ModelCIF file with pLDDT and N, C-alpha, C, O atoms, coordinates in Angstrom:
data_MODEL
#
_entry.id   MODEL 
#
_entity.id                         1 
_entity.type                       polymer 
_entity.pdbx_number_of_molecules   1 
#
_entity_poly.entity_id                      1 
_entity_poly.type                           'polypeptide(L)' 
_entity_poly.nstd_linkage                   no 
_entity_poly.nstd_monomer                   no 
_entity_poly.pdbx_seq_one_letter_code       VAGLPFGWQKRVELARALATNPAIILLDEPAGGLNHDEVEE 
_entity_poly.pdbx_seq_one_letter_code_can   VAGLPFGWQKRVELARALATNPAIILLDEPAGGLNHDEVEE 
_entity_poly.pdbx_strand_id                 A 
#
loop_
_entity_poly_seq.entity_id 
_entity_poly_seq.num 
_entity_poly_seq.mon_id 
_entity_poly_seq.hetero 
1 1  VAL n 
1 2  ALA n 
1 3  GLY n 
1 4  LEU n 
1 5  PRO n 
1 6  PHE n 
1 7  GLY n 
1 8  TRP n 
1 9  GLN n 
1 10 LYS n 
1 11 ARG n 
1 12 VAL n 
1 13 GLU n 
1 14 LEU n 
1 15 ALA n 
1 16 ARG n 
1 17 ALA n 
1 18 LEU n 
1 19 ALA n 
1 20 THR n 
1 21 ASN n 
1 22 PRO n 
1 23 ALA n 
1 24 ILE n 
1 25 ILE n 
1 26 LEU n 
1 27 LEU n 
1 28 ASP n 
1 29 GLU n 
1 30 PRO n 
1 31 ALA n 
1 32 GLY n 
1 33 GLY n 
1 34 LEU n 
1 35 ASN n 
1 36 HIS n 
1 37 ASP n 
1 38 GLU n 
1 39 VAL n 
1 40 GLU n 
1 41 GLU n 
#
_struct_asym.id          A 
_struct_asym.entity_id   1 
#
loop_
_ma_qa_metric.id 
_ma_qa_metric.mode 
_ma_qa_metric.name 
_ma_qa_metric.software_group_id 
_ma_qa_metric.type 
1 global pLDDT . pLDDT 
2 local  pLDDT . pLDDT 
#
_ma_qa_metric_global.metric_id      1 
_ma_qa_metric_global.metric_value   91.93 
_ma_qa_metric_global.model_id       1 
_ma_qa_metric_global.ordinal_id     1 
#
loop_
_ma_qa_metric_local.label_asym_id 
_ma_qa_metric_local.label_comp_id 
_ma_qa_metric_local.label_seq_id 
_ma_qa_metric_local.metric_id 
_ma_qa_metric_local.metric_value 
_ma_qa_metric_local.model_id 
_ma_qa_metric_local.ordinal_id 
A VAL 1  2 93.00 1 1  
A ALA 2  2 91.00 1 2  
A GLY 3  2 88.00 1 3  
A LEU 4  2 92.00 1 4  
A PRO 5  2 91.00 1 5  
A PHE 6  2 88.00 1 6  
A GLY 7  2 88.00 1 7  
A TRP 8  2 91.00 1 8  
A GLN 9  2 91.00 1 9  
A LYS 10 2 90.00 1 10 
A ARG 11 2 92.00 1 11 
A VAL 12 2 93.00 1 12 
A GLU 13 2 91.00 1 13 
A LEU 14 2 93.00 1 14 
A ALA 15 2 94.00 1 15 
A ARG 16 2 92.00 1 16 
A ALA 17 2 92.00 1 17 
A LEU 18 2 95.00 1 18 
A ALA 19 2 93.00 1 19 
A THR 20 2 91.00 1 20 
A ASN 21 2 92.00 1 21 
A PRO 22 2 94.00 1 22 
A ALA 23 2 96.00 1 23 
A ILE 24 2 96.00 1 24 
A ILE 25 2 96.00 1 25 
A LEU 26 2 95.00 1 26 
A LEU 27 2 95.00 1 27 
A ASP 28 2 91.00 1 28 
A GLU 29 2 91.00 1 29 
A PRO 30 2 92.00 1 30 
A ALA 31 2 92.00 1 31 
A GLY 32 2 87.00 1 32 
A GLY 33 2 87.00 1 33 
A LEU 34 2 89.00 1 34 
A ASN 35 2 91.00 1 35 
A HIS 36 2 92.00 1 36 
A ASP 37 2 92.00 1 37 
A GLU 38 2 92.00 1 38 
A VAL 39 2 94.00 1 39 
A GLU 40 2 93.00 1 40 
A GLU 41 2 93.00 1 41 
#
loop_
_atom_site.group_PDB 
_atom_site.id 
_atom_site.type_symbol 
_atom_site.label_atom_id 
_atom_site.label_alt_id 
_atom_site.label_comp_id 
_atom_site.label_asym_id 
_atom_site.label_entity_id 
_atom_site.label_seq_id 
_atom_site.pdbx_PDB_ins_code 
_atom_site.Cartn_x 
_atom_site.Cartn_y 
_atom_site.Cartn_z 
_atom_site.occupancy 
_atom_site.B_iso_or_equiv 
_atom_site.pdbx_formal_charge 
_atom_site.auth_seq_id 
_atom_site.auth_comp_id 
_atom_site.auth_asym_id 
_atom_site.auth_atom_id 
_atom_site.pdbx_PDB_model_num 
ATOM 1   N N  . VAL A 1 1  ? 6.311   -2.544  0.348  1.00 93.00 ? 1  VAL A N  1 
ATOM 2   C CA . VAL A 1 1  ? 5.247   -1.808  0.543  1.00 93.00 ? 1  VAL A CA 1 
ATOM 3   C C  . VAL A 1 1  ? 5.530   -0.633  1.455  1.00 93.00 ? 1  VAL A C  1 
ATOM 4   O O  . VAL A 1 1  ? 4.665   -0.305  2.267  1.00 93.00 ? 1  VAL A O  1 
ATOM 5   N N  . ALA A 1 2  ? 6.607   -0.015  1.388  1.00 91.00 ? 2  ALA A N  1 
ATOM 6   C CA . ALA A 1 2  ? 7.228   0.945   0.980  1.00 91.00 ? 2  ALA A CA 1 
ATOM 7   C C  . ALA A 1 2  ? 7.041   1.835   -0.105 1.00 91.00 ? 2  ALA A C  1 
ATOM 8   O O  . ALA A 1 2  ? 6.611   2.952   0.182  1.00 91.00 ? 2  ALA A O  1 
ATOM 9   N N  . GLY A 1 3  ? 7.174   1.686   -0.779 1.00 88.00 ? 3  GLY A N  1 
ATOM 10  C CA . GLY A 1 3  ? 7.160   2.037   -1.965 1.00 88.00 ? 3  GLY A CA 1 
ATOM 11  C C  . GLY A 1 3  ? 5.058   2.477   -2.801 1.00 88.00 ? 3  GLY A C  1 
ATOM 12  O O  . GLY A 1 3  ? 4.644   3.055   -3.807 1.00 88.00 ? 3  GLY A O  1 
ATOM 13  N N  . LEU A 1 4  ? 4.422   1.780   -1.636 1.00 92.00 ? 4  LEU A N  1 
ATOM 14  C CA . LEU A 1 4  ? 3.141   2.298   -2.187 1.00 92.00 ? 4  LEU A CA 1 
ATOM 15  C C  . LEU A 1 4  ? 2.619   2.970   -1.787 1.00 92.00 ? 4  LEU A C  1 
ATOM 16  O O  . LEU A 1 4  ? 3.087   3.435   -0.748 1.00 92.00 ? 4  LEU A O  1 
ATOM 17  N N  . PRO A 1 5  ? 1.149   3.593   -2.328 1.00 91.00 ? 5  PRO A N  1 
ATOM 18  C CA . PRO A 1 5  ? 0.580   4.705   -2.129 1.00 91.00 ? 5  PRO A CA 1 
ATOM 19  C C  . PRO A 1 5  ? -0.221  4.221   -0.857 1.00 91.00 ? 5  PRO A C  1 
ATOM 20  O O  . PRO A 1 5  ? -0.758  3.114   -0.916 1.00 91.00 ? 5  PRO A O  1 
ATOM 21  N N  . PHE A 1 6  ? -0.327  4.923   0.204  1.00 88.00 ? 6  PHE A N  1 
ATOM 22  C CA . PHE A 1 6  ? -1.183  4.929   1.601  1.00 88.00 ? 6  PHE A CA 1 
ATOM 23  C C  . PHE A 1 6  ? -2.421  3.572   1.480  1.00 88.00 ? 6  PHE A C  1 
ATOM 24  O O  . PHE A 1 6  ? -2.520  2.467   2.012  1.00 88.00 ? 6  PHE A O  1 
ATOM 25  N N  . GLY A 1 7  ? -3.348  4.453   0.359  1.00 88.00 ? 7  GLY A N  1 
ATOM 26  C CA . GLY A 1 7  ? -3.875  3.707   0.368  1.00 88.00 ? 7  GLY A CA 1 
ATOM 27  C C  . GLY A 1 7  ? -3.903  2.475   0.358  1.00 88.00 ? 7  GLY A C  1 
ATOM 28  O O  . GLY A 1 7  ? -4.796  1.807   0.880  1.00 88.00 ? 7  GLY A O  1 
ATOM 29  N N  . TRP A 1 8  ? -2.659  1.907   -0.402 1.00 91.00 ? 8  TRP A N  1 
ATOM 30  C CA . TRP A 1 8  ? -2.261  0.355   -0.988 1.00 91.00 ? 8  TRP A CA 1 
ATOM 31  C C  . TRP A 1 8  ? -2.326  -0.223  0.542  1.00 91.00 ? 8  TRP A C  1 
ATOM 32  O O  . TRP A 1 8  ? -2.966  -1.103  1.116  1.00 91.00 ? 8  TRP A O  1 
ATOM 33  N N  . GLN A 1 9  ? -1.009  1.038   1.014  1.00 91.00 ? 9  GLN A N  1 
ATOM 34  C CA . GLN A 1 9  ? -0.302  -0.100  2.359  1.00 91.00 ? 9  GLN A CA 1 
ATOM 35  C C  . GLN A 1 9  ? -1.772  0.057   3.275  1.00 91.00 ? 9  GLN A C  1 
ATOM 36  O O  . GLN A 1 9  ? -1.403  -0.748  4.130  1.00 91.00 ? 9  GLN A O  1 
ATOM 37  N N  . LYS A 1 10 ? -2.870  0.385   3.660  1.00 90.00 ? 10 LYS A N  1 
ATOM 38  C CA . LYS A 1 10 ? -3.499  0.682   4.636  1.00 90.00 ? 10 LYS A CA 1 
ATOM 39  C C  . LYS A 1 10 ? -4.306  -1.130  3.902  1.00 90.00 ? 10 LYS A C  1 
ATOM 40  O O  . LYS A 1 10 ? -4.872  -1.947  4.629  1.00 90.00 ? 10 LYS A O  1 
ATOM 41  N N  . ARG A 1 11 ? -4.157  -1.253  2.784  1.00 92.00 ? 11 ARG A N  1 
ATOM 42  C CA . ARG A 1 11 ? -4.819  -2.542  1.988  1.00 92.00 ? 11 ARG A CA 1 
ATOM 43  C C  . ARG A 1 11 ? -4.205  -3.873  2.256  1.00 92.00 ? 11 ARG A C  1 
ATOM 44  O O  . ARG A 1 11 ? -4.578  -5.046  2.226  1.00 92.00 ? 11 ARG A O  1 
ATOM 45  N N  . VAL A 1 12 ? -3.274  -3.314  2.489  1.00 93.00 ? 12 VAL A N  1 
ATOM 46  C CA . VAL A 1 12 ? -1.748  -4.565  2.845  1.00 93.00 ? 12 VAL A CA 1 
ATOM 47  C C  . VAL A 1 12 ? -1.947  -5.201  4.530  1.00 93.00 ? 12 VAL A C  1 
ATOM 48  O O  . VAL A 1 12 ? -1.852  -6.367  4.910  1.00 93.00 ? 12 VAL A O  1 
ATOM 49  N N  . GLU A 1 13 ? -2.279  -3.845  5.391  1.00 91.00 ? 13 GLU A N  1 
ATOM 50  C CA . GLU A 1 13 ? -1.878  -4.228  6.607  1.00 91.00 ? 13 GLU A CA 1 
ATOM 51  C C  . GLU A 1 13 ? -3.310  -4.524  6.677  1.00 91.00 ? 13 GLU A C  1 
ATOM 52  O O  . GLU A 1 13 ? -3.301  -5.232  7.685  1.00 91.00 ? 13 GLU A O  1 
ATOM 53  N N  . LEU A 1 14 ? -4.718  -4.467  6.253  1.00 93.00 ? 14 LEU A N  1 
ATOM 54  C CA . LEU A 1 14 ? -5.904  -5.543  6.262  1.00 93.00 ? 14 LEU A CA 1 
ATOM 55  C C  . LEU A 1 14 ? -6.146  -6.910  6.011  1.00 93.00 ? 14 LEU A C  1 
ATOM 56  O O  . LEU A 1 14 ? -6.906  -7.796  6.401  1.00 93.00 ? 14 LEU A O  1 
ATOM 57  N N  . ALA A 1 15 ? -4.719  -6.670  4.783  1.00 94.00 ? 15 ALA A N  1 
ATOM 58  C CA . ALA A 1 15 ? -5.242  -8.731  4.640  1.00 94.00 ? 15 ALA A CA 1 
ATOM 59  C C  . ALA A 1 15 ? -3.959  -9.455  5.976  1.00 94.00 ? 15 ALA A C  1 
ATOM 60  O O  . ALA A 1 15 ? -3.971  -10.520 6.595  1.00 94.00 ? 15 ALA A O  1 
ATOM 61  N N  . ARG A 1 16 ? -2.821  -8.092  5.981  1.00 92.00 ? 16 ARG A N  1 
ATOM 62  C CA . ARG A 1 16 ? -2.411  -8.925  6.855  1.00 92.00 ? 16 ARG A CA 1 
ATOM 63  C C  . ARG A 1 16 ? -3.054  -9.795  8.158  1.00 92.00 ? 16 ARG A C  1 
ATOM 64  O O  . ARG A 1 16 ? -2.877  -10.901 8.667  1.00 92.00 ? 16 ARG A O  1 
ATOM 65  N N  . ALA A 1 17 ? -3.966  -8.531  8.397  1.00 92.00 ? 17 ALA A N  1 
ATOM 66  C CA . ALA A 1 17 ? -4.896  -9.256  9.718  1.00 92.00 ? 17 ALA A CA 1 
ATOM 67  C C  . ALA A 1 17 ? -5.773  -10.259 9.297  1.00 92.00 ? 17 ALA A C  1 
ATOM 68  O O  . ALA A 1 17 ? -5.744  -11.324 9.914  1.00 92.00 ? 17 ALA A O  1 
ATOM 69  N N  . LEU A 1 18 ? -6.450  -10.139 8.481  1.00 95.00 ? 18 LEU A N  1 
ATOM 70  C CA . LEU A 1 18 ? -7.422  -10.797 7.812  1.00 95.00 ? 18 LEU A CA 1 
ATOM 71  C C  . LEU A 1 18 ? -6.451  -12.472 7.431  1.00 95.00 ? 18 LEU A C  1 
ATOM 72  O O  . LEU A 1 18 ? -7.042  -13.551 7.394  1.00 95.00 ? 18 LEU A O  1 
ATOM 73  N N  . ALA A 1 19 ? -5.227  -12.358 7.234  1.00 93.00 ? 19 ALA A N  1 
ATOM 74  C CA . ALA A 1 19 ? -3.730  -13.326 6.900  1.00 93.00 ? 19 ALA A CA 1 
ATOM 75  C C  . ALA A 1 19 ? -4.461  -14.456 8.367  1.00 93.00 ? 19 ALA A C  1 
ATOM 76  O O  . ALA A 1 19 ? -4.728  -15.616 8.056  1.00 93.00 ? 19 ALA A O  1 
ATOM 77  N N  . THR A 1 20 ? -4.703  -14.035 9.753  1.00 91.00 ? 20 THR A N  1 
ATOM 78  C CA . THR A 1 20 ? -4.479  -14.594 11.249 1.00 91.00 ? 20 THR A CA 1 
ATOM 79  C C  . THR A 1 20 ? -6.223  -15.301 10.905 1.00 91.00 ? 20 THR A C  1 
ATOM 80  O O  . THR A 1 20 ? -6.681  -16.142 11.678 1.00 91.00 ? 20 THR A O  1 
ATOM 81  N N  . ASN A 1 21 ? -6.776  -14.972 10.065 1.00 92.00 ? 21 ASN A N  1 
ATOM 82  C CA . ASN A 1 21 ? -8.194  -15.572 10.159 1.00 92.00 ? 21 ASN A CA 1 
ATOM 83  C C  . ASN A 1 21 ? -8.948  -14.931 11.367 1.00 92.00 ? 21 ASN A C  1 
ATOM 84  O O  . ASN A 1 21 ? -9.095  -15.916 12.091 1.00 92.00 ? 21 ASN A O  1 
ATOM 85  N N  . PRO A 1 22 ? -9.368  -14.151 11.852 1.00 94.00 ? 22 PRO A N  1 
ATOM 86  C CA . PRO A 1 22 ? -9.682  -14.264 12.885 1.00 94.00 ? 22 PRO A CA 1 
ATOM 87  C C  . PRO A 1 22 ? -11.243 -13.629 12.732 1.00 94.00 ? 22 PRO A C  1 
ATOM 88  O O  . PRO A 1 22 ? -11.652 -12.886 11.841 1.00 94.00 ? 22 PRO A O  1 
ATOM 89  N N  . ALA A 1 23 ? -11.976 -14.166 13.890 1.00 96.00 ? 23 ALA A N  1 
ATOM 90  C CA . ALA A 1 23 ? -14.099 -13.647 14.058 1.00 96.00 ? 23 ALA A CA 1 
ATOM 91  C C  . ALA A 1 23 ? -13.935 -12.908 13.741 1.00 96.00 ? 23 ALA A C  1 
ATOM 92  O O  . ALA A 1 23 ? -14.329 -12.803 12.579 1.00 96.00 ? 23 ALA A O  1 
ATOM 93  N N  . ILE A 1 24 ? -13.036 -11.290 14.492 1.00 96.00 ? 24 ILE A N  1 
ATOM 94  C CA . ILE A 1 24 ? -13.422 -10.563 14.692 1.00 96.00 ? 24 ILE A CA 1 
ATOM 95  C C  . ILE A 1 24 ? -12.623 -9.826  14.686 1.00 96.00 ? 24 ILE A C  1 
ATOM 96  O O  . ILE A 1 24 ? -11.734 -9.921  15.533 1.00 96.00 ? 24 ILE A O  1 
ATOM 97  N N  . ILE A 1 25 ? -12.603 -8.654  13.611 1.00 96.00 ? 25 ILE A N  1 
ATOM 98  C CA . ILE A 1 25 ? -11.079 -7.390  13.785 1.00 96.00 ? 25 ILE A CA 1 
ATOM 99  C C  . ILE A 1 25 ? -11.320 -5.724  14.364 1.00 96.00 ? 25 ILE A C  1 
ATOM 100 O O  . ILE A 1 25 ? -12.334 -5.089  14.651 1.00 96.00 ? 25 ILE A O  1 
ATOM 101 N N  . LEU A 1 26 ? -10.525 -5.545  14.367 1.00 95.00 ? 26 LEU A N  1 
ATOM 102 C CA . LEU A 1 26 ? -10.861 -4.205  15.177 1.00 95.00 ? 26 LEU A CA 1 
ATOM 103 C C  . LEU A 1 26 ? -10.032 -3.477  14.027 1.00 95.00 ? 26 LEU A C  1 
ATOM 104 O O  . LEU A 1 26 ? -8.881  -3.623  13.617 1.00 95.00 ? 26 LEU A O  1 
ATOM 105 N N  . LEU A 1 27 ? -10.889 -2.789  13.737 1.00 95.00 ? 27 LEU A N  1 
ATOM 106 C CA . LEU A 1 27 ? -10.131 -1.592  12.561 1.00 95.00 ? 27 LEU A CA 1 
ATOM 107 C C  . LEU A 1 27 ? -10.279 -0.093  13.358 1.00 95.00 ? 27 LEU A C  1 
ATOM 108 O O  . LEU A 1 27 ? -11.208 0.661   13.647 1.00 95.00 ? 27 LEU A O  1 
ATOM 109 N N  . ASP A 1 28 ? -8.356  -0.127  13.592 1.00 91.00 ? 28 ASP A N  1 
ATOM 110 C CA . ASP A 1 28 ? -8.492  1.202   14.125 1.00 91.00 ? 28 ASP A CA 1 
ATOM 111 C C  . ASP A 1 28 ? -8.398  2.465   13.377 1.00 91.00 ? 28 ASP A C  1 
ATOM 112 O O  . ASP A 1 28 ? -7.294  2.388   12.837 1.00 91.00 ? 28 ASP A O  1 
ATOM 113 N N  . GLU A 1 29 ? -8.931  3.580   13.044 1.00 91.00 ? 29 GLU A N  1 
ATOM 114 C CA . GLU A 1 29 ? -9.024  4.762   12.229 1.00 91.00 ? 29 GLU A CA 1 
ATOM 115 C C  . GLU A 1 29 ? -8.845  4.336   10.895 1.00 91.00 ? 29 GLU A C  1 
ATOM 116 O O  . GLU A 1 29 ? -7.931  4.962   10.360 1.00 91.00 ? 29 GLU A O  1 
ATOM 117 N N  . PRO A 1 30 ? -9.371  3.517   10.175 1.00 92.00 ? 30 PRO A N  1 
ATOM 118 C CA . PRO A 1 30 ? -8.682  3.001   8.808  1.00 92.00 ? 30 PRO A CA 1 
ATOM 119 C C  . PRO A 1 30 ? -9.222  4.033   7.759  1.00 92.00 ? 30 PRO A C  1 
ATOM 120 O O  . PRO A 1 30 ? -8.736  3.868   6.640  1.00 92.00 ? 30 PRO A O  1 
ATOM 121 N N  . ALA A 1 31 ? -9.978  4.898   7.856  1.00 92.00 ? 31 ALA A N  1 
ATOM 122 C CA . ALA A 1 31 ? -9.669  5.597   6.460  1.00 92.00 ? 31 ALA A CA 1 
ATOM 123 C C  . ALA A 1 31 ? -9.060  6.717   7.140  1.00 92.00 ? 31 ALA A C  1 
ATOM 124 O O  . ALA A 1 31 ? -9.517  7.753   6.656  1.00 92.00 ? 31 ALA A O  1 
ATOM 125 N N  . GLY A 1 32 ? -8.268  6.936   8.006  1.00 87.00 ? 32 GLY A N  1 
ATOM 126 C CA . GLY A 1 32 ? -7.309  8.246   7.939  1.00 87.00 ? 32 GLY A CA 1 
ATOM 127 C C  . GLY A 1 32 ? -6.524  8.309   6.783  1.00 87.00 ? 32 GLY A C  1 
ATOM 128 O O  . GLY A 1 32 ? -6.457  7.291   6.094  1.00 87.00 ? 32 GLY A O  1 
ATOM 129 N N  . GLY A 1 33 ? -6.042  9.107   6.512  1.00 87.00 ? 33 GLY A N  1 
ATOM 130 C CA . GLY A 1 33 ? -5.259  9.563   4.980  1.00 87.00 ? 33 GLY A CA 1 
ATOM 131 C C  . GLY A 1 33 ? -5.540  9.047   4.017  1.00 87.00 ? 33 GLY A C  1 
ATOM 132 O O  . GLY A 1 33 ? -4.725  8.768   3.138  1.00 87.00 ? 33 GLY A O  1 
ATOM 133 N N  . LEU A 1 34 ? -6.982  8.762   3.962  1.00 89.00 ? 34 LEU A N  1 
ATOM 134 C CA . LEU A 1 34 ? -7.343  8.405   2.504  1.00 89.00 ? 34 LEU A CA 1 
ATOM 135 C C  . LEU A 1 34 ? -8.323  9.370   2.104  1.00 89.00 ? 34 LEU A C  1 
ATOM 136 O O  . LEU A 1 34 ? -8.965  10.090  2.869  1.00 89.00 ? 34 LEU A O  1 
ATOM 137 N N  . ASN A 1 35 ? -8.422  9.324   0.366  1.00 91.00 ? 35 ASN A N  1 
ATOM 138 C CA . ASN A 1 35 ? -9.312  10.425  -0.137 1.00 91.00 ? 35 ASN A CA 1 
ATOM 139 C C  . ASN A 1 35 ? -10.751 9.650   -0.173 1.00 91.00 ? 35 ASN A C  1 
ATOM 140 O O  . ASN A 1 35 ? -11.080 8.539   0.241  1.00 91.00 ? 35 ASN A O  1 
ATOM 141 N N  . HIS A 1 36 ? -11.468 10.679  -0.828 1.00 92.00 ? 36 HIS A N  1 
ATOM 142 C CA . HIS A 1 36 ? -12.767 10.468  -0.364 1.00 92.00 ? 36 HIS A CA 1 
ATOM 143 C C  . HIS A 1 36 ? -13.464 9.111   -1.551 1.00 92.00 ? 36 HIS A C  1 
ATOM 144 O O  . HIS A 1 36 ? -14.495 8.505   -1.264 1.00 92.00 ? 36 HIS A O  1 
ATOM 145 N N  . ASP A 1 37 ? -12.625 8.825   -2.923 1.00 92.00 ? 37 ASP A N  1 
ATOM 146 C CA . ASP A 1 37 ? -13.098 7.689   -3.305 1.00 92.00 ? 37 ASP A CA 1 
ATOM 147 C C  . ASP A 1 37 ? -12.488 6.444   -2.656 1.00 92.00 ? 37 ASP A C  1 
ATOM 148 O O  . ASP A 1 37 ? -13.078 5.370   -2.773 1.00 92.00 ? 37 ASP A O  1 
ATOM 149 N N  . GLU A 1 38 ? -11.129 6.545   -1.854 1.00 92.00 ? 38 GLU A N  1 
ATOM 150 C CA . GLU A 1 38 ? -10.773 5.496   -1.350 1.00 92.00 ? 38 GLU A CA 1 
ATOM 151 C C  . GLU A 1 38 ? -11.636 5.248   0.169  1.00 92.00 ? 38 GLU A C  1 
ATOM 152 O O  . GLU A 1 38 ? -11.867 4.275   0.887  1.00 92.00 ? 38 GLU A O  1 
ATOM 153 N N  . VAL A 1 39 ? -11.900 6.456   0.189  1.00 94.00 ? 39 VAL A N  1 
ATOM 154 C CA . VAL A 1 39 ? -13.139 5.932   1.672  1.00 94.00 ? 39 VAL A CA 1 
ATOM 155 C C  . VAL A 1 39 ? -14.038 5.232   1.440  1.00 94.00 ? 39 VAL A C  1 
ATOM 156 O O  . VAL A 1 39 ? -14.453 4.402   2.248  1.00 94.00 ? 39 VAL A O  1 
ATOM 157 N N  . GLU A 1 40 ? -14.624 5.458   0.063  1.00 93.00 ? 40 GLU A N  1 
ATOM 158 C CA . GLU A 1 40 ? -16.361 4.756   -0.462 1.00 93.00 ? 40 GLU A CA 1 
ATOM 159 C C  . GLU A 1 40 ? -15.096 3.422   -0.609 1.00 93.00 ? 40 GLU A C  1 
ATOM 160 O O  . GLU A 1 40 ? -15.226 2.370   0.018  1.00 93.00 ? 40 GLU A O  1 
ATOM 161 N N  . GLU A 1 41 ? -14.067 3.655   -1.408 1.00 93.00 ? 41 GLU A N  1 
ATOM 162 C CA . GLU A 1 41 ? -13.988 2.286   -1.355 1.00 93.00 ? 41 GLU A CA 1 
ATOM 163 C C  . GLU A 1 41 ? -13.838 1.288   0.009  1.00 93.00 ? 41 GLU A C  1 
ATOM 164 O O  . GLU A 1 41 ? -13.779 0.065   -0.124 1.00 93.00 ? 41 GLU A O  1 
#
């Protein structure tokens, strides 16, 4: 993970949270550090 761009690292963290099979997920500033295209995605 250390060698990935920041946007991909955030996607990995989201994947790890989803892997817990949550009913609700709390997203804390997920757009921080992302560029315009990444925010749209």
